[in-house]
Amino acid sequence: MIEEYQFLFLIYVTLSNIISVIAGLLLWTAFVFFGILSRRYEQIFRTSTNWQLLVLAPTGILVFVVIQAYAYATAGTMKEPQSWAGHFLVIISAILCLYGALKFRAVTMGLREGRK
């Protein structure tokens, strides 16, 4: 019975925590690459793409991952203040990333219309 409990704890708690941290890092990396792509568009087409926003906005996701990893490593779970702070940062990052992506989309659509 104890071995089964340890196995279930490994799968449902430990493994899901590790996957959650890895997923957050991958999401942050994807947004940073999106910002770098936007910077290349700015360099090539000589038009402002606000790439700085796309590179800096996902920082809240990275901070959340750090808070989450620290909480899992020390206490095994996130406490309520850590959870509130982390999720607040993710929401702010999401709003800023969406704003940056929409600005970049407007630039690319303008470039696309200019080619016709």
Foldseek 3Di string as FASTA:
>chain_A
DVVVVVVCCCVPQVVVLVVVLVVLVVVLVVQLVVLVVQVVCCVVVVDDLPSVLSNPLSVLSVVLSVLSVVCCVPPNGHDPVSVVSSVVSVVSSVVSNVVSVVSNVVVVVVVVVVVD
